[in-house]
Amino acid sequence: MKIIMLGAPGAGKGTQAKQIASKYDIPHISTGDIFRANIKNGTELGMKAKTYMDKGLLVPDELVVDLVVDRVAAKDCEKGYVLDGFPRTIPQAEALDAALAKNGENVEFAINVEVPDENIVKRMSGRRACVACGATYHIEHIPPKTEGICDTCGKELILRDDDKPETVLNRLNIYHEQTQPLIDYYNTKGILKEVDGTKDMADVFNEIVAILG
């Protein structure tokens, strides 16, 4: 079961991807996690990716494609996987399709989590992250016990640069320009499925499970 999650930054596709991975016992592969690990470890790829991510820009294809293709060839992906955050552009999608086709494989589902831009800006600007341990909160949905202080380690919580409204809007504009065409791409292939991401997370997940069967 090879699944691609589509949706704007902050649409909740990552949360759904993790639940899908857990239910079907397949890996959740997030380019965001790969980038963050590289940034934390100070690798050359990580530093390159960070310069783009800090500005709310997409990381260029050449930094992403080979890494993802190698990952999905790993043994733990034999039963399938959920790709979260990749592909983001038509060239990435075509590169993935070409790599899979060499092994007689193909993407089976492209699930688009649809959420209006204004909802996303509100969601993301409410996020807070711990400067020390990385724990995340939301001032409305998952508030810390003490405002501005991490429950886990007692350090300061911040609004990350990439969650600020102006950065979120920039990311959304880039998404609509570069990633929106993927919806048409996978629709043409007959594998696109859309779910309403403004619903309760459990309801969204139930919709996805009904699609996957």
N, C-alpha and C. Protein backbone atom coordinates (compact mmCIF):
# COMPACT_ATOMS: atom_id res chain seq x y z
N MET A 1 0.85 -1.20 0.00
CA MET A 1 0.00 0.00 0.00
C MET A 1 0.89 1.25 0.00
N LYS A 2 1.01 1.84 -1.17
CA LYS A 2 1.89 3.02 -1.32
C LYS A 2 1.01 4.27 -1.40
N ILE A 3 1.15 5.11 -0.38
CA ILE A 3 0.24 6.25 -0.21
C ILE A 3 1.02 7.55 -0.19
N ILE A 4 0.49 8.57 -0.87
CA ILE A 4 1.05 9.92 -0.82
C ILE A 4 0.02 10.82 -0.15
N MET A 5 0.48 11.62 0.82
CA MET A 5 -0.40 12.58 1.47
C MET A 5 -0.17 13.96 0.86
N LEU A 6 -1.24 14.59 0.40
CA LEU A 6 -1.18 15.94 -0.15
C LEU A 6 -1.95 16.88 0.77
N GLY A 7 -1.61 18.17 0.68
CA GLY A 7 -2.28 19.16 1.51
C GLY A 7 -1.30 20.27 1.86
N ALA A 8 -1.83 21.45 2.07
CA ALA A 8 -0.99 22.61 2.37
C ALA A 8 -0.27 22.43 3.71
N PRO A 9 0.82 23.17 3.93
CA PRO A 9 1.48 23.13 5.24
C PRO A 9 0.49 23.47 6.35
N GLY A 10 0.40 22.63 7.36
CA GLY A 10 -0.53 22.88 8.46
C GLY A 10 -1.92 22.30 8.26
N ALA A 11 -2.13 21.57 7.15
CA ALA A 11 -3.45 20.98 6.89
C ALA A 11 -3.74 19.77 7.76
N GLY A 12 -2.69 19.24 8.39
CA GLY A 12 -2.88 18.08 9.26
C GLY A 12 -2.53 16.76 8.60
N LYS A 13 -1.92 16.82 7.42
CA LYS A 13 -1.62 15.56 6.71
C LYS A 13 -0.59 14.72 7.45
N GLY A 14 0.33 15.38 8.19
CA GLY A 14 1.33 14.64 8.94
C GLY A 14 0.70 13.80 10.05
N THR A 15 -0.24 14.38 10.76
CA THR A 15 -0.95 13.66 11.82
C THR A 15 -1.68 12.46 11.25
N GLN A 16 -2.37 12.67 10.13
CA GLN A 16 -3.10 11.57 9.49
C GLN A 16 -2.14 10.50 8.98
N ALA A 17 -1.01 10.93 8.43
CA ALA A 17 -0.03 9.97 7.90
C ALA A 17 0.48 9.04 9.00
N LYS A 18 0.74 9.61 10.19
CA LYS A 18 1.22 8.80 11.31
C LYS A 18 0.18 7.77 11.73
N GLN A 19 -1.09 8.18 11.74
CA GLN A 19 -2.16 7.25 12.12
C GLN A 19 -2.33 6.14 11.09
N ILE A 20 -2.22 6.51 9.82
CA ILE A 20 -2.30 5.50 8.75
C ILE A 20 -1.17 4.50 8.90
N ALA A 21 0.04 5.01 9.12
CA ALA A 21 1.21 4.15 9.27
C ALA A 21 1.03 3.16 10.42
N SER A 22 0.49 3.67 11.53
CA SER A 22 0.27 2.82 12.70
C SER A 22 -0.78 1.75 12.42
N LYS A 23 -1.88 2.15 11.81
CA LYS A 23 -2.99 1.21 11.56
C LYS A 23 -2.58 0.10 10.59
N TYR A 24 -1.86 0.46 9.55
CA TYR A 24 -1.53 -0.52 8.50
C TYR A 24 -0.12 -1.08 8.63
N ASP A 25 0.59 -0.69 9.71
CA ASP A 25 1.92 -1.20 10.00
C ASP A 25 2.89 -0.99 8.82
N ILE A 26 2.93 0.24 8.35
CA ILE A 26 3.85 0.63 7.29
C ILE A 26 4.59 1.89 7.73
N PRO A 27 5.78 2.17 7.20
CA PRO A 27 6.54 3.34 7.64
C PRO A 27 5.89 4.66 7.24
N HIS A 28 5.99 5.64 8.14
CA HIS A 28 5.61 7.02 7.84
C HIS A 28 6.89 7.74 7.45
N ILE A 29 6.99 8.15 6.20
CA ILE A 29 8.21 8.77 5.70
C ILE A 29 7.96 10.26 5.47
N SER A 30 8.55 11.09 6.32
CA SER A 30 8.38 12.53 6.25
C SER A 30 9.69 13.19 5.85
N THR A 31 9.67 13.92 4.77
CA THR A 31 10.89 14.64 4.39
C THR A 31 11.23 15.67 5.46
N GLY A 32 10.22 16.21 6.11
CA GLY A 32 10.46 17.16 7.19
C GLY A 32 11.31 16.55 8.29
N ASP A 33 10.98 15.30 8.67
CA ASP A 33 11.76 14.61 9.70
C ASP A 33 13.20 14.38 9.24
N ILE A 34 13.34 14.01 7.96
CA ILE A 34 14.68 13.77 7.40
C ILE A 34 15.49 15.07 7.45
N PHE A 35 14.85 16.18 7.04
CA PHE A 35 15.55 17.46 7.06
C PHE A 35 15.93 17.87 8.48
N ARG A 36 14.97 17.73 9.41
CA ARG A 36 15.23 18.14 10.79
C ARG A 36 16.39 17.34 11.40
N ALA A 37 16.44 16.04 11.08
CA ALA A 37 17.53 15.20 11.59
C ALA A 37 18.86 15.69 11.04
N ASN A 38 18.87 16.04 9.77
CA ASN A 38 20.10 16.52 9.14
C ASN A 38 20.51 17.89 9.69
N ILE A 39 19.52 18.74 9.94
CA ILE A 39 19.80 20.06 10.52
C ILE A 39 20.39 19.91 11.93
N LYS A 40 19.76 19.03 12.72
CA LYS A 40 20.22 18.80 14.08
C LYS A 40 21.66 18.29 14.10
N ASN A 41 21.98 17.43 13.12
CA ASN A 41 23.31 16.84 13.06
C ASN A 41 24.32 17.71 12.31
N GLY A 42 23.84 18.85 11.80
CA GLY A 42 24.73 19.79 11.14
C GLY A 42 25.32 19.32 9.83
N THR A 43 24.60 18.43 9.12
CA THR A 43 25.13 17.93 7.85
C THR A 43 25.04 19.01 6.78
N GLU A 44 25.77 18.78 5.70
CA GLU A 44 25.75 19.75 4.60
C GLU A 44 24.34 19.88 4.03
N LEU A 45 23.67 18.73 3.83
CA LEU A 45 22.29 18.76 3.33
C LEU A 45 21.39 19.51 4.28
N GLY A 46 21.57 19.28 5.58
CA GLY A 46 20.75 19.94 6.58
C GLY A 46 20.90 21.45 6.54
N MET A 47 22.14 21.91 6.43
CA MET A 47 22.38 23.35 6.39
C MET A 47 21.79 23.98 5.12
N LYS A 48 21.91 23.28 4.01
CA LYS A 48 21.32 23.77 2.76
C LYS A 48 19.80 23.85 2.90
N ALA A 49 19.21 22.78 3.43
CA ALA A 49 17.76 22.74 3.59
C ALA A 49 17.28 23.85 4.53
N LYS A 50 18.05 24.11 5.59
CA LYS A 50 17.66 25.10 6.60
C LYS A 50 17.56 26.50 5.99
N THR A 51 18.46 26.84 5.06
CA THR A 51 18.42 28.18 4.47
C THR A 51 17.11 28.41 3.71
N TYR A 52 16.58 27.36 3.12
CA TYR A 52 15.30 27.47 2.41
C TYR A 52 14.12 27.45 3.40
N MET A 53 14.17 26.52 4.35
CA MET A 53 13.05 26.36 5.28
C MET A 53 12.85 27.59 6.16
N ASP A 54 13.94 28.24 6.56
CA ASP A 54 13.84 29.43 7.41
C ASP A 54 13.12 30.58 6.69
N LYS A 55 13.18 30.56 5.37
CA LYS A 55 12.51 31.60 4.57
C LYS A 55 11.11 31.17 4.13
N GLY A 56 10.72 29.96 4.54
CA GLY A 56 9.41 29.47 4.12
C GLY A 56 9.39 28.99 2.69
N LEU A 57 10.57 28.70 2.14
CA LEU A 57 10.66 28.24 0.75
C LEU A 57 10.76 26.72 0.70
N LEU A 58 10.40 26.15 -0.45
CA LEU A 58 10.53 24.71 -0.64
C LEU A 58 11.99 24.35 -0.90
N VAL A 59 12.41 23.21 -0.36
CA VAL A 59 13.77 22.72 -0.62
C VAL A 59 13.83 22.21 -2.07
N PRO A 60 14.87 22.58 -2.83
CA PRO A 60 14.95 22.19 -4.24
C PRO A 60 14.91 20.68 -4.47
N ASP A 61 14.38 20.30 -5.62
CA ASP A 61 14.20 18.89 -5.96
C ASP A 61 15.46 18.06 -5.79
N GLU A 62 16.59 18.59 -6.28
CA GLU A 62 17.81 17.78 -6.29
C GLU A 62 18.30 17.41 -4.89
N LEU A 63 17.85 18.16 -3.87
CA LEU A 63 18.23 17.83 -2.49
C LEU A 63 17.32 16.76 -1.89
N VAL A 64 16.24 16.47 -2.57
CA VAL A 64 15.21 15.63 -1.98
C VAL A 64 15.05 14.27 -2.67
N VAL A 65 15.01 14.27 -4.00
CA VAL A 65 14.56 13.10 -4.75
C VAL A 65 15.37 11.84 -4.43
N ASP A 66 16.70 11.88 -4.57
CA ASP A 66 17.51 10.67 -4.35
C ASP A 66 17.35 10.14 -2.94
N LEU A 67 17.27 11.04 -1.97
CA LEU A 67 17.13 10.65 -0.57
C LEU A 67 15.84 9.86 -0.35
N VAL A 68 14.74 10.35 -0.92
CA VAL A 68 13.45 9.69 -0.74
C VAL A 68 13.41 8.36 -1.48
N VAL A 69 13.92 8.33 -2.71
CA VAL A 69 13.91 7.10 -3.50
C VAL A 69 14.70 6.00 -2.79
N ASP A 70 15.86 6.36 -2.21
CA ASP A 70 16.64 5.39 -1.44
C ASP A 70 15.85 4.89 -0.23
N ARG A 71 15.13 5.82 0.41
CA ARG A 71 14.38 5.45 1.62
C ARG A 71 13.28 4.44 1.32
N VAL A 72 12.54 4.66 0.22
CA VAL A 72 11.42 3.75 -0.07
C VAL A 72 11.89 2.40 -0.60
N ALA A 73 13.18 2.30 -0.92
CA ALA A 73 13.74 1.02 -1.36
C ALA A 73 14.17 0.16 -0.17
N ALA A 74 14.10 0.71 1.04
CA ALA A 74 14.53 -0.01 2.24
C ALA A 74 13.59 -1.18 2.55
N LYS A 75 14.11 -2.15 3.29
CA LYS A 75 13.37 -3.38 3.56
C LYS A 75 12.05 -3.14 4.29
N ASP A 76 12.02 -2.14 5.19
CA ASP A 76 10.80 -1.92 5.98
C ASP A 76 9.67 -1.34 5.13
N CYS A 77 9.96 -1.03 3.86
CA CYS A 77 8.92 -0.48 2.97
C CYS A 77 8.31 -1.54 2.04
N GLU A 78 8.65 -2.81 2.29
CA GLU A 78 8.17 -3.88 1.40
C GLU A 78 6.65 -3.95 1.34
N LYS A 79 5.97 -3.69 2.48
CA LYS A 79 4.49 -3.75 2.51
C LYS A 79 3.85 -2.45 2.07
N GLY A 80 4.70 -1.40 1.90
CA GLY A 80 4.18 -0.08 1.53
C GLY A 80 4.70 0.98 2.47
N TYR A 81 4.16 2.19 2.32
CA TYR A 81 4.61 3.33 3.11
C TYR A 81 3.66 4.50 2.89
N VAL A 82 3.76 5.47 3.78
CA VAL A 82 3.02 6.72 3.64
C VAL A 82 4.04 7.84 3.45
N LEU A 83 4.00 8.51 2.31
CA LEU A 83 4.90 9.63 2.05
C LEU A 83 4.22 10.93 2.46
N ASP A 84 4.89 11.68 3.32
CA ASP A 84 4.33 12.92 3.87
C ASP A 84 5.30 14.06 3.57
N GLY A 85 4.90 14.98 2.69
CA GLY A 85 5.77 16.10 2.33
C GLY A 85 6.56 15.87 1.06
N PHE A 86 6.30 14.76 0.39
CA PHE A 86 6.94 14.44 -0.88
C PHE A 86 5.99 13.54 -1.67
N PRO A 87 5.85 13.75 -2.98
CA PRO A 87 6.43 14.84 -3.77
C PRO A 87 5.70 16.16 -3.56
N ARG A 88 6.40 17.27 -3.87
CA ARG A 88 5.81 18.59 -3.75
C ARG A 88 5.67 19.28 -5.11
N THR A 89 6.33 18.73 -6.11
CA THR A 89 6.28 19.32 -7.45
C THR A 89 6.09 18.21 -8.48
N ILE A 90 5.69 18.59 -9.67
CA ILE A 90 5.51 17.61 -10.75
C ILE A 90 6.83 16.89 -11.06
N PRO A 91 7.97 17.60 -11.18
CA PRO A 91 9.22 16.87 -11.42
C PRO A 91 9.53 15.82 -10.35
N GLN A 92 9.25 16.15 -9.08
CA GLN A 92 9.45 15.16 -8.01
C GLN A 92 8.53 13.96 -8.20
N ALA A 93 7.27 14.21 -8.54
CA ALA A 93 6.30 13.14 -8.75
C ALA A 93 6.73 12.24 -9.91
N GLU A 94 7.20 12.86 -10.98
CA GLU A 94 7.64 12.10 -12.14
C GLU A 94 8.88 11.27 -11.82
N ALA A 95 9.79 11.85 -11.03
CA ALA A 95 11.00 11.12 -10.63
C ALA A 95 10.65 9.91 -9.76
N LEU A 96 9.69 10.09 -8.85
CA LEU A 96 9.24 9.00 -8.00
C LEU A 96 8.58 7.91 -8.83
N ASP A 97 7.68 8.30 -9.74
CA ASP A 97 7.00 7.32 -10.60
C ASP A 97 8.01 6.52 -11.42
N ALA A 98 9.01 7.21 -11.96
CA ALA A 98 10.02 6.54 -12.79
C ALA A 98 10.83 5.54 -11.96
N ALA A 99 11.20 5.95 -10.74
CA ALA A 99 11.97 5.06 -9.87
C ALA A 99 11.17 3.83 -9.47
N LEU A 100 9.88 4.02 -9.16
CA LEU A 100 9.02 2.89 -8.78
C LEU A 100 8.78 1.97 -9.97
N ALA A 101 8.59 2.57 -11.14
CA ALA A 101 8.29 1.78 -12.35
C ALA A 101 9.41 0.80 -12.67
N LYS A 102 10.65 1.16 -12.33
CA LYS A 102 11.79 0.26 -12.58
C LYS A 102 11.63 -1.05 -11.83
N ASN A 103 10.91 -1.01 -10.70
CA ASN A 103 10.66 -2.22 -9.90
C ASN A 103 9.25 -2.77 -10.11
N GLY A 104 8.58 -2.25 -11.14
CA GLY A 104 7.21 -2.70 -11.41
C GLY A 104 6.21 -2.24 -10.37
N GLU A 105 6.50 -1.12 -9.69
CA GLU A 105 5.63 -0.61 -8.63
C GLU A 105 5.03 0.74 -9.03
N ASN A 106 4.02 1.16 -8.26
CA ASN A 106 3.40 2.47 -8.50
C ASN A 106 2.69 2.96 -7.24
N VAL A 107 2.50 4.27 -7.18
CA VAL A 107 1.72 4.86 -6.09
C VAL A 107 0.26 4.44 -6.26
N GLU A 108 -0.38 4.02 -5.15
CA GLU A 108 -1.75 3.52 -5.23
C GLU A 108 -2.80 4.56 -4.81
N PHE A 109 -2.46 5.40 -3.85
CA PHE A 109 -3.40 6.42 -3.37
C PHE A 109 -2.69 7.75 -3.18
N ALA A 110 -3.31 8.83 -3.64
CA ALA A 110 -2.86 10.18 -3.34
C ALA A 110 -4.02 10.86 -2.61
N ILE A 111 -3.85 11.08 -1.30
CA ILE A 111 -4.94 11.61 -0.47
C ILE A 111 -4.70 13.08 -0.18
N ASN A 112 -5.62 13.93 -0.61
CA ASN A 112 -5.50 15.36 -0.41
C ASN A 112 -6.34 15.81 0.78
N VAL A 113 -5.68 16.36 1.81
CA VAL A 113 -6.37 16.89 2.99
C VAL A 113 -6.63 18.38 2.72
N GLU A 114 -7.87 18.71 2.46
CA GLU A 114 -8.25 20.06 2.01
C GLU A 114 -8.64 20.95 3.19
N VAL A 115 -7.91 22.09 3.35
CA VAL A 115 -8.20 23.06 4.42
C VAL A 115 -8.00 24.47 3.84
N PRO A 116 -8.96 25.40 4.04
CA PRO A 116 -8.80 26.77 3.55
C PRO A 116 -7.58 27.47 4.17
N ASP A 117 -6.98 28.39 3.42
CA ASP A 117 -5.78 29.09 3.88
C ASP A 117 -5.97 29.78 5.22
N GLU A 118 -7.12 30.45 5.41
CA GLU A 118 -7.32 31.22 6.64
C GLU A 118 -7.31 30.32 7.87
N ASN A 119 -7.83 29.09 7.71
CA ASN A 119 -7.80 28.13 8.82
C ASN A 119 -6.37 27.74 9.17
N ILE A 120 -5.55 27.57 8.14
CA ILE A 120 -4.16 27.15 8.34
C ILE A 120 -3.36 28.23 9.04
N VAL A 121 -3.53 29.49 8.64
CA VAL A 121 -2.80 30.59 9.27
C VAL A 121 -3.13 30.63 10.76
N LYS A 122 -4.40 30.46 11.10
CA LYS A 122 -4.82 30.49 12.50
C LYS A 122 -4.22 29.31 13.28
N ARG A 123 -4.24 28.14 12.65
CA ARG A 123 -3.69 26.94 13.28
C ARG A 123 -2.20 27.11 13.59
N MET A 124 -1.44 27.53 12.57
CA MET A 124 0.02 27.53 12.69
C MET A 124 0.54 28.68 13.56
N SER A 125 -0.14 29.82 13.51
CA SER A 125 0.33 30.95 14.32
C SER A 125 0.05 30.72 15.80
N GLY A 126 -0.76 29.70 16.11
CA GLY A 126 -1.03 29.34 17.51
C GLY A 126 -0.06 28.32 18.07
N ARG A 127 0.80 27.79 17.21
CA ARG A 127 1.78 26.80 17.66
C ARG A 127 2.88 27.45 18.52
N ARG A 128 3.37 26.68 19.49
CA ARG A 128 4.50 27.11 20.29
C ARG A 128 5.44 25.91 20.45
N ALA A 129 6.74 26.17 20.37
CA ALA A 129 7.73 25.11 20.48
C ALA A 129 8.71 25.41 21.60
N CYS A 130 9.17 24.36 22.29
CA CYS A 130 10.13 24.53 23.37
C CYS A 130 11.53 24.72 22.79
N VAL A 131 12.24 25.73 23.27
CA VAL A 131 13.58 26.02 22.76
C VAL A 131 14.58 24.94 23.18
N ALA A 132 14.25 24.19 24.22
CA ALA A 132 15.20 23.20 24.75
C ALA A 132 14.93 21.78 24.27
N CYS A 133 13.71 21.26 24.55
CA CYS A 133 13.45 19.83 24.27
C CYS A 133 12.66 19.59 22.99
N GLY A 134 12.14 20.68 22.39
CA GLY A 134 11.43 20.52 21.12
C GLY A 134 9.96 20.17 21.23
N ALA A 135 9.45 20.04 22.45
CA ALA A 135 8.02 19.74 22.63
C ALA A 135 7.17 20.85 21.98
N THR A 136 6.01 20.46 21.44
CA THR A 136 5.17 21.44 20.76
C THR A 136 3.80 21.54 21.41
N TYR A 137 3.24 22.74 21.35
CA TYR A 137 1.94 23.04 21.96
C TYR A 137 1.13 23.90 20.99
N HIS A 138 -0.13 24.15 21.36
CA HIS A 138 -0.96 25.10 20.62
C HIS A 138 -1.74 25.90 21.65
N ILE A 139 -1.72 27.22 21.50
CA ILE A 139 -2.31 28.07 22.54
C ILE A 139 -3.80 27.82 22.74
N GLU A 140 -4.49 27.28 21.71
CA GLU A 140 -5.91 26.96 21.85
C GLU A 140 -6.15 25.48 22.12
N HIS A 141 -5.52 24.62 21.31
CA HIS A 141 -5.86 23.20 21.32
C HIS A 141 -5.04 22.36 22.29
N ILE A 142 -3.74 22.69 22.44
CA ILE A 142 -2.88 21.95 23.38
C ILE A 142 -2.05 22.95 24.17
N PRO A 143 -2.69 23.76 25.03
CA PRO A 143 -1.93 24.79 25.75
C PRO A 143 -1.04 24.18 26.84
N PRO A 144 0.10 24.82 27.13
CA PRO A 144 0.91 24.37 28.27
C PRO A 144 0.19 24.74 29.57
N LYS A 145 0.58 24.07 30.65
CA LYS A 145 -0.06 24.35 31.95
C LYS A 145 0.22 25.78 32.40
N THR A 146 1.44 26.26 32.12
CA THR A 146 1.81 27.64 32.42
C THR A 146 2.13 28.33 31.10
N GLU A 147 1.47 29.47 30.84
CA GLU A 147 1.65 30.15 29.56
C GLU A 147 3.13 30.46 29.27
N GLY A 148 3.56 30.05 28.08
CA GLY A 148 4.93 30.35 27.65
C GLY A 148 6.01 29.45 28.22
N ILE A 149 5.60 28.42 29.02
CA ILE A 149 6.58 27.54 29.67
C ILE A 149 6.29 26.07 29.31
N CYS A 150 7.34 25.34 28.96
CA CYS A 150 7.20 23.93 28.59
C CYS A 150 6.83 23.06 29.80
N ASP A 151 5.81 22.22 29.64
CA ASP A 151 5.40 21.31 30.71
C ASP A 151 6.50 20.30 31.03
N THR A 152 7.25 19.90 30.00
CA THR A 152 8.22 18.81 30.14
C THR A 152 9.50 19.24 30.85
N CYS A 153 10.08 20.38 30.38
CA CYS A 153 11.40 20.75 30.92
C CYS A 153 11.44 22.13 31.56
N GLY A 154 10.33 22.89 31.50
CA GLY A 154 10.28 24.18 32.18
C GLY A 154 10.97 25.33 31.45
N LYS A 155 11.39 25.07 30.21
CA LYS A 155 12.05 26.13 29.44
C LYS A 155 11.03 26.96 28.66
N GLU A 156 11.54 28.01 28.01
CA GLU A 156 10.67 28.96 27.30
C GLU A 156 10.07 28.35 26.02
N LEU A 157 8.81 28.72 25.76
CA LEU A 157 8.17 28.34 24.49
C LEU A 157 8.21 29.54 23.55
N ILE A 158 8.43 29.27 22.27
CA ILE A 158 8.52 30.35 21.28
C ILE A 158 7.60 30.07 20.09
N LEU A 159 7.28 31.13 19.36
CA LEU A 159 6.62 31.02 18.06
C LEU A 159 7.74 30.93 17.04
N ARG A 160 7.90 29.77 16.43
CA ARG A 160 8.99 29.58 15.47
C ARG A 160 8.80 30.50 14.26
N ASP A 161 9.93 30.86 13.65
CA ASP A 161 9.87 31.75 12.48
C ASP A 161 8.96 31.19 11.39
N ASP A 162 9.02 29.85 11.18
CA ASP A 162 8.23 29.28 10.08
C ASP A 162 6.75 29.11 10.44
N ASP A 163 6.36 29.48 11.68
CA ASP A 163 4.94 29.47 12.06
C ASP A 163 4.35 30.88 12.13
N LYS A 164 5.18 31.92 11.91
CA LYS A 164 4.67 33.29 11.93
C LYS A 164 3.75 33.51 10.73
N PRO A 165 2.66 34.30 10.93
CA PRO A 165 1.66 34.46 9.85
C PRO A 165 2.25 34.84 8.50
N GLU A 166 3.23 35.77 8.49
CA GLU A 166 3.79 36.20 7.20
C GLU A 166 4.53 35.07 6.50
N THR A 167 5.22 34.21 7.30
CA THR A 167 5.93 33.07 6.71
C THR A 167 4.95 32.01 6.25
N VAL A 168 3.90 31.78 7.04
CA VAL A 168 2.88 30.79 6.66
C VAL A 168 2.22 31.20 5.35
N LEU A 169 1.87 32.48 5.22
CA LEU A 169 1.25 32.95 3.98
C LEU A 169 2.18 32.77 2.79
N ASN A 170 3.47 33.02 3.02
CA ASN A 170 4.45 32.82 1.95
C ASN A 170 4.51 31.35 1.54
N ARG A 171 4.52 30.47 2.54
CA ARG A 171 4.55 29.02 2.25
C ARG A 171 3.29 28.59 1.52
N LEU A 172 2.15 29.14 1.90
CA LEU A 172 0.89 28.79 1.24
C LEU A 172 0.89 29.26 -0.22
N ASN A 173 1.42 30.46 -0.46
CA ASN A 173 1.49 30.96 -1.84
C ASN A 173 2.35 30.06 -2.70
N ILE A 174 3.49 29.63 -2.14
CA ILE A 174 4.38 28.72 -2.87
C ILE A 174 3.67 27.38 -3.10
N TYR A 175 2.97 26.91 -2.07
CA TYR A 175 2.24 25.65 -2.21
C TYR A 175 1.25 25.71 -3.36
N HIS A 176 0.45 26.78 -3.40
CA HIS A 176 -0.57 26.88 -4.44
C HIS A 176 0.06 26.96 -5.84
N GLU A 177 1.21 27.63 -5.93
CA GLU A 177 1.87 27.76 -7.23
C GLU A 177 2.52 26.46 -7.68
N GLN A 178 3.23 25.79 -6.76
CA GLN A 178 4.07 24.67 -7.15
C GLN A 178 3.47 23.30 -6.86
N THR A 179 2.72 23.18 -5.79
CA THR A 179 2.24 21.86 -5.39
C THR A 179 0.82 21.58 -5.83
N GLN A 180 0.00 22.62 -5.96
CA GLN A 180 -1.38 22.42 -6.39
C GLN A 180 -1.47 21.61 -7.70
N PRO A 181 -0.57 21.81 -8.67
CA PRO A 181 -0.65 21.02 -9.90
C PRO A 181 -0.57 19.51 -9.66
N LEU A 182 -0.01 19.08 -8.52
CA LEU A 182 0.04 17.65 -8.21
C LEU A 182 -1.36 17.06 -8.07
N ILE A 183 -2.28 17.88 -7.60
CA ILE A 183 -3.65 17.40 -7.45
C ILE A 183 -4.21 17.00 -8.82
N ASP A 184 -3.95 17.84 -9.81
CA ASP A 184 -4.38 17.52 -11.18
C ASP A 184 -3.62 16.30 -11.71
N TYR A 185 -2.33 16.24 -11.40
CA TYR A 185 -1.47 15.14 -11.87
C TYR A 185 -2.01 13.79 -11.40
N TYR A 186 -2.30 13.70 -10.10
CA TYR A 186 -2.77 12.42 -9.56
C TYR A 186 -4.24 12.17 -9.89
N ASN A 187 -5.00 13.24 -10.08
CA ASN A 187 -6.38 13.07 -10.52
C ASN A 187 -6.43 12.44 -11.90
N THR A 188 -5.54 12.90 -12.78
CA THR A 188 -5.46 12.35 -14.13
C THR A 188 -5.10 10.86 -14.09
N LYS A 189 -4.29 10.48 -13.11
CA LYS A 189 -3.90 9.07 -12.97
C LYS A 189 -5.00 8.22 -12.32
N GLY A 190 -6.04 8.91 -11.81
CA GLY A 190 -7.17 8.19 -11.23
C GLY A 190 -6.97 7.69 -9.81
N ILE A 191 -5.95 8.24 -9.10
CA ILE A 191 -5.68 7.75 -7.75
C ILE A 191 -5.90 8.84 -6.68
N LEU A 192 -6.37 10.03 -7.09
CA LEU A 192 -6.59 11.11 -6.13
C LEU A 192 -7.87 10.91 -5.34
N LYS A 193 -7.76 11.07 -4.01
CA LYS A 193 -8.92 11.05 -3.12
C LYS A 193 -8.84 12.28 -2.24
N GLU A 194 -9.98 12.98 -2.03
CA GLU A 194 -9.97 14.20 -1.22
C GLU A 194 -10.80 14.03 0.05
N VAL A 195 -10.28 14.59 1.15
CA VAL A 195 -11.00 14.57 2.42
C VAL A 195 -11.04 15.99 2.98
N ASP A 196 -12.07 16.28 3.78
CA ASP A 196 -12.27 17.60 4.37
C ASP A 196 -11.46 17.71 5.65
N GLY A 197 -10.33 18.44 5.59
CA GLY A 197 -9.43 18.55 6.73
C GLY A 197 -9.89 19.50 7.81
N THR A 198 -11.04 20.18 7.62
CA THR A 198 -11.54 21.07 8.67
C THR A 198 -12.33 20.30 9.72
N LYS A 199 -12.64 19.04 9.45
CA LYS A 199 -13.39 18.21 10.40
C LYS A 199 -12.50 17.80 11.57
N ASP A 200 -13.12 17.21 12.58
CA ASP A 200 -12.38 16.64 13.70
C ASP A 200 -11.38 15.61 13.17
N MET A 201 -10.18 15.56 13.79
CA MET A 201 -9.11 14.67 13.30
C MET A 201 -9.56 13.22 13.19
N ALA A 202 -10.36 12.76 14.16
CA ALA A 202 -10.82 11.37 14.13
C ALA A 202 -11.75 11.12 12.95
N ASP A 203 -12.59 12.11 12.63
CA ASP A 203 -13.50 11.98 11.48
C ASP A 203 -12.73 11.96 10.16
N VAL A 204 -11.69 12.79 10.09
CA VAL A 204 -10.85 12.80 8.89
C VAL A 204 -10.19 11.44 8.71
N PHE A 205 -9.67 10.89 9.80
CA PHE A 205 -9.01 9.58 9.73
C PHE A 205 -9.98 8.49 9.29
N ASN A 206 -11.20 8.52 9.83
CA ASN A 206 -12.21 7.53 9.45
C ASN A 206 -12.52 7.61 7.96
N GLU A 207 -12.56 8.83 7.43
CA GLU A 207 -12.79 9.01 5.99
C GLU A 207 -11.66 8.36 5.18
N ILE A 208 -10.45 8.56 5.65
CA ILE A 208 -9.28 8.02 4.94
C ILE A 208 -9.30 6.49 4.99
N VAL A 209 -9.61 5.91 6.15
CA VAL A 209 -9.67 4.46 6.29
C VAL A 209 -10.72 3.87 5.34
N ALA A 210 -11.84 4.57 5.21
CA ALA A 210 -12.90 4.11 4.29
C ALA A 210 -12.39 4.09 2.84
N ILE A 211 -11.55 5.08 2.51
CA ILE A 211 -10.98 5.14 1.16
C ILE A 211 -9.99 4.00 0.93
N LEU A 212 -9.12 3.75 1.92
CA LEU A 212 -8.07 2.74 1.77
C LEU A 212 -8.63 1.32 1.83
N GLY A 213 -9.74 1.17 2.54
CA GLY A 213 -10.39 -0.13 2.62
C GLY A 213 -9.69 -1.12 3.54
